[in-house]
Amino acid sequence: MQENWTFEIGKEPLANEMEIIDFLTARKKELGIFLSFYYKKNGAVAENVSVINTLLLKDKKSGNLTLTFDVVYFNACLAIHEQEQDKMLLKFKLDRENRKLDLIGPYWPEREMDEI
């Protein structure tokens, strides 16, 4: 499984690292939804997402960034409410012509079905 998420950047220039970090910081809830796709099979969601100020630009259109967040496991029936901190390295592609910022998550192989 590898997840992708596209943000419409509108009129924001996103010309340097700090502008990209500020853009993503303003969209913490959407980033939490994106990261939660990786943990849904374990019954968890991602919350309190923040961008670590280590944005690595490969060129003016792409690079890597690291997000830190809380992984929250919750199940009322089993009286479970646990929380741990995690981080994830993402790739991004900036398409200024189409006014989009694409985030590409890591590839996590999925378990195949068991043979009978």
Protein backbone atom coordinates (compact mmCIF):
# COMPACT_ATOMS: atom_id res chain seq x y z
CA MET A 1 0.00 0.00 0.00
CA GLN A 2 1.21 3.45 -0.86
CA GLU A 3 -1.00 6.45 -0.23
CA ASN A 4 -1.09 9.75 -2.11
CA TRP A 5 -2.76 13.03 -1.18
CA THR A 6 -3.16 16.13 -3.36
CA PHE A 7 -3.59 19.65 -2.02
CA GLU A 8 -4.86 22.54 -4.12
CA ILE A 9 -2.41 25.36 -3.44
CA GLY A 10 -4.54 28.19 -4.85
CA LYS A 11 -2.70 31.50 -5.04
CA GLU A 12 -0.03 30.62 -2.49
CA PRO A 13 3.42 30.81 -4.14
CA LEU A 14 5.19 28.09 -2.08
CA ALA A 15 8.51 29.45 -3.32
CA ASN A 16 10.69 28.24 -0.44
CA GLU A 17 10.90 25.66 2.35
CA MET A 18 9.22 27.80 5.01
CA GLU A 19 6.21 28.54 2.80
CA ILE A 20 5.71 24.81 2.14
CA ILE A 21 6.02 24.04 5.86
CA ASP A 22 3.54 26.82 6.75
CA PHE A 23 1.12 25.58 4.05
CA LEU A 24 1.18 22.03 5.46
CA THR A 25 1.06 23.18 9.08
CA ALA A 26 -2.20 25.00 8.32
CA ARG A 27 -3.65 21.69 7.09
CA LYS A 28 -2.95 19.47 10.11
CA LYS A 29 -6.35 17.78 10.06
CA GLU A 30 -6.03 16.74 6.41
CA LEU A 31 -2.53 15.42 7.09
CA GLY A 32 -3.95 13.42 10.00
CA ILE A 33 -6.54 11.83 7.70
CA PHE A 34 -3.84 11.00 5.16
CA LEU A 35 -1.58 9.39 7.78
CA SER A 36 -4.51 7.50 9.32
CA PHE A 37 -4.86 5.45 6.13
CA TYR A 38 -1.61 3.72 7.10
CA TYR A 39 -2.88 2.76 10.57
CA LYS A 40 -6.55 1.94 9.92
CA LYS A 41 -5.97 -1.84 9.82
CA ASN A 42 -4.55 -1.60 13.33
CA GLY A 43 -7.56 0.38 14.53
CA ALA A 44 -5.68 3.63 15.01
CA VAL A 45 -5.78 7.20 13.78
CA ALA A 46 -3.11 9.87 13.47
CA GLU A 47 -3.51 13.13 15.39
CA ASN A 48 -1.45 16.21 16.33
CA VAL A 49 0.53 16.20 13.09
CA SER A 50 3.45 18.58 12.77
CA VAL A 51 6.12 19.11 10.15
CA ILE A 52 9.68 18.72 11.36
CA ASN A 53 11.71 21.62 10.01
CA THR A 54 13.86 19.29 7.93
CA LEU A 55 12.42 19.76 4.48
CA LEU A 56 14.86 18.45 1.89
CA LEU A 57 14.40 19.97 -1.56
CA LYS A 58 15.74 17.86 -4.43
CA ASP A 59 14.92 20.61 -6.89
CA LYS A 60 12.31 23.40 -7.04
CA LYS A 61 9.53 20.90 -7.73
CA SER A 62 10.15 17.95 -5.39
CA GLY A 63 11.71 16.81 -2.16
CA ASN A 64 11.23 14.97 1.12
CA LEU A 65 9.74 16.01 4.42
CA THR A 66 9.24 14.36 7.78
CA LEU A 67 6.01 14.49 9.76
CA THR A 68 5.72 13.67 13.44
CA PHE A 69 2.36 12.70 14.92
CA ASP A 70 0.53 10.76 17.62
CA VAL A 71 -0.91 7.35 16.75
CA VAL A 72 -4.04 6.84 18.85
CA TYR A 73 -5.54 3.38 19.34
CA PHE A 74 -9.12 3.51 20.62
CA ASN A 75 -11.71 0.80 21.19
CA ALA A 76 -14.51 1.53 23.65
CA CYS A 77 -15.65 -2.11 23.82
CA LEU A 78 -12.22 -3.33 24.89
CA ALA A 79 -11.48 -0.25 27.05
CA ILE A 80 -8.41 0.60 24.98
CA HIS A 81 -7.11 4.14 24.61
CA GLU A 82 -3.41 4.13 23.90
CA GLN A 83 -1.22 6.73 22.31
CA GLU A 84 2.30 6.63 20.93
CA GLN A 85 4.38 9.04 18.90
CA ASP A 86 5.64 8.19 15.43
CA LYS A 87 7.16 9.91 12.43
CA MET A 88 7.02 9.30 8.70
CA LEU A 89 9.13 10.40 5.76
CA LEU A 90 7.07 11.59 2.78
CA LYS A 91 7.95 12.67 -0.74
CA PHE A 92 6.32 15.69 -2.29
CA LYS A 93 5.92 17.05 -5.80
CA LEU A 94 5.00 20.65 -6.42
CA ASP A 95 3.12 21.37 -9.65
CA ARG A 96 2.92 25.15 -9.85
CA GLU A 97 1.29 25.16 -13.30
CA ASN A 98 -1.71 23.14 -12.09
CA ARG A 99 -1.55 24.69 -8.58
CA LYS A 100 -1.15 21.34 -6.78
CA LEU A 101 1.06 19.85 -4.09
CA ASP A 102 1.19 16.05 -4.10
CA LEU A 103 2.30 14.07 -1.05
CA ILE A 104 3.47 10.50 -1.58
CA GLY A 105 3.69 8.25 1.45
CA PRO A 106 6.04 5.32 1.96
CA TYR A 107 5.32 1.92 0.46
CA TRP A 108 4.09 -0.52 3.09
CA PRO A 109 3.68 -4.02 1.66
CA GLU A 110 0.36 -5.62 2.46
CA ARG A 111 0.02 -9.17 3.65
CA GLU A 112 -1.33 -11.47 0.97
CA MET A 113 -4.14 -13.90 1.67
CA ASP A 114 -3.13 -17.12 3.39
CA GLU A 115 -3.16 -20.28 1.31
CA ILE A 116 -5.64 -22.97 2.26
